[in-house]
Amino acid sequence: QVQLVESGGGLVQAGGSLRLSCAASGITFGTNAKGWYRQAPGKQRELVAAIFGGNTHYADSVKGRFTISRVNAKNTVYLQMNSLKPEDTAVYYCNAGPWGAVLRSDFSSWGQGTQVTVSS
């Protein structure tokens, strides 16, 4: 059974930075794509960033501000978020699986997420 534990969220002023971490168990990170997602109140969950091997994918809204990275040996994926904006406020989740599933957010199980709140 895959377990995902997200951490690192918090309250930050606009323009600030946060680094999110996601520790996974029950899945081998090295052979799976990883993704960070977010869900704001009243909105659908959306893919923010994904990584698999040397490939990365970013939502247009975060390009140039967010960076996804991973340490496969630690089964951990990170999201460095810089130049944060109030519209980045959301609960952030991670997940891992086949590249297509990561890009489609096609998962039946999610962790609890970590809240990111950006004040103006």
Protein backbone atom coordinates (compact mmCIF):
# COMPACT_ATOMS: atom_id res chain seq x y z
CA GLN A 1 0.00 0.00 0.00
CA VAL A 2 1.36 3.38 -1.04
CA GLN A 3 1.65 5.96 1.70
CA LEU A 4 2.50 9.59 1.03
CA VAL A 5 3.36 12.16 3.68
CA GLU A 6 3.59 15.78 2.59
CA SER A 7 5.20 18.44 4.77
CA GLY A 8 6.72 21.89 4.65
CA GLY A 9 3.66 24.02 4.13
CA GLY A 10 2.88 27.13 6.10
CA LEU A 11 1.99 30.80 6.01
CA VAL A 12 4.25 33.06 3.99
CA GLN A 13 4.05 36.57 2.61
CA ALA A 14 3.81 37.20 -1.10
CA GLY A 15 7.26 37.02 -2.65
CA GLY A 16 8.46 34.50 -0.11
CA SER A 17 9.61 30.91 -0.50
CA LEU A 18 8.73 27.49 0.84
CA ARG A 19 10.12 24.03 0.25
CA LEU A 20 7.70 21.14 0.34
CA SER A 21 8.73 17.54 0.93
CA CYS A 22 6.93 14.30 0.19
CA ALA A 23 8.08 11.02 1.67
CA ALA A 24 6.68 7.86 0.12
CA SER A 25 6.55 4.25 1.16
CA GLY A 26 5.16 1.20 -0.57
CA ILE A 27 6.37 2.37 -3.98
CA THR A 28 9.76 2.52 -5.68
CA PHE A 29 10.37 6.13 -6.61
CA GLY A 30 13.14 5.42 -9.06
CA THR A 31 10.87 3.55 -11.48
CA ASN A 32 7.91 5.89 -11.22
CA ALA A 33 7.12 9.46 -12.15
CA LYS A 34 6.39 11.88 -9.32
CA GLY A 35 4.05 14.81 -9.26
CA TRP A 36 3.02 17.71 -7.06
CA TYR A 37 -0.58 18.86 -7.16
CA ARG A 38 -2.66 21.52 -5.45
CA GLN A 39 -6.28 22.14 -4.67
CA ALA A 40 -7.61 25.54 -3.74
CA PRO A 41 -11.01 25.96 -2.05
CA GLY A 42 -13.82 25.46 -4.54
CA LYS A 43 -11.45 24.38 -7.31
CA GLN A 44 -10.40 21.08 -8.79
CA ARG A 45 -7.07 19.53 -7.96
CA GLU A 46 -4.46 20.51 -10.56
CA LEU A 47 -1.01 19.28 -11.50
CA VAL A 48 1.68 21.75 -10.54
CA ALA A 49 4.88 19.91 -11.45
CA ALA A 50 6.03 16.44 -12.42
CA ILE A 51 9.34 14.67 -12.85
CA PHE A 52 10.50 11.37 -14.33
CA GLY A 53 14.11 10.68 -15.14
CA GLY A 54 15.45 13.75 -16.87
CA ASN A 55 12.02 15.06 -17.81
CA THR A 56 10.05 17.70 -15.96
CA HIS A 57 6.68 19.30 -16.54
CA TYR A 58 5.32 22.48 -14.98
CA ALA A 59 1.98 24.19 -15.04
CA ASP A 60 2.24 27.51 -16.87
CA SER A 61 1.23 29.34 -13.72
CA VAL A 62 4.36 28.19 -11.83
CA LYS A 63 7.02 28.05 -14.54
CA GLY A 64 10.14 29.90 -13.52
CA ARG A 65 9.06 30.03 -9.87
CA PHE A 66 8.71 26.40 -8.77
CA THR A 67 11.27 23.60 -9.08
CA ILE A 68 10.58 19.90 -8.58
CA SER A 69 13.38 17.57 -7.55
CA ARG A 70 13.74 14.14 -6.01
CA VAL A 71 16.10 11.88 -4.14
CA ASN A 72 15.12 8.41 -5.24
CA ALA A 73 17.28 6.72 -2.62
CA LYS A 74 15.21 8.48 0.04
CA ASN A 75 11.88 7.99 -1.76
CA THR A 76 11.40 11.72 -1.38
CA VAL A 77 10.29 14.40 -3.81
CA TYR A 78 10.58 18.13 -3.19
CA LEU A 79 8.93 21.27 -4.49
CA GLN A 80 10.89 24.49 -4.12
CA MET A 81 8.47 27.38 -4.40
CA ASN A 82 9.84 30.89 -4.90
CA SER A 83 8.19 34.23 -5.58
CA LEU A 84 4.98 32.95 -4.07
CA LYS A 85 1.72 34.68 -4.90
CA PRO A 86 -1.62 34.73 -3.07
CA GLU A 87 -3.08 32.62 -5.89
CA ASP A 88 -0.66 29.84 -4.93
CA THR A 89 -2.66 29.34 -1.75
CA ALA A 90 -3.91 25.75 -1.70
CA VAL A 91 -3.43 22.34 -0.16
CA TYR A 92 -0.49 20.69 -1.88
CA TYR A 93 -0.32 16.95 -2.51
CA CYS A 94 2.15 14.58 -4.07
CA ASN A 95 1.72 11.29 -5.84
CA ALA A 96 3.73 8.80 -7.86
CA GLY A 97 3.08 6.30 -10.60
CA PRO A 98 3.26 5.94 -14.38
CA TRP A 99 4.05 9.17 -16.26
CA GLY A 100 0.64 9.28 -17.90
CA ALA A 101 -1.18 8.80 -14.60
CA VAL A 102 0.88 11.58 -13.01
CA LEU A 103 0.06 13.97 -15.85
CA ARG A 104 -3.66 13.06 -15.67
CA SER A 105 -3.80 13.09 -11.85
CA ASP A 106 -5.20 9.59 -12.23
CA PHE A 107 -4.95 8.27 -8.68
CA SER A 108 -7.52 6.83 -6.30
CA SER A 109 -5.45 7.41 -3.18
CA TRP A 110 -3.97 10.64 -1.88
CA GLY A 111 -2.11 11.76 1.21
CA GLN A 112 -3.40 14.42 3.58
CA GLY A 113 -1.52 17.20 1.85
CA THR A 114 0.14 20.26 3.31
CA GLN A 115 -1.47 23.69 3.47
CA VAL A 116 0.27 26.62 1.80
CA THR A 117 -1.13 30.06 2.50
CA VAL A 118 0.33 33.14 0.84
CA SER A 119 -0.71 36.48 2.25
CA SER A 120 -0.72 39.65 0.19
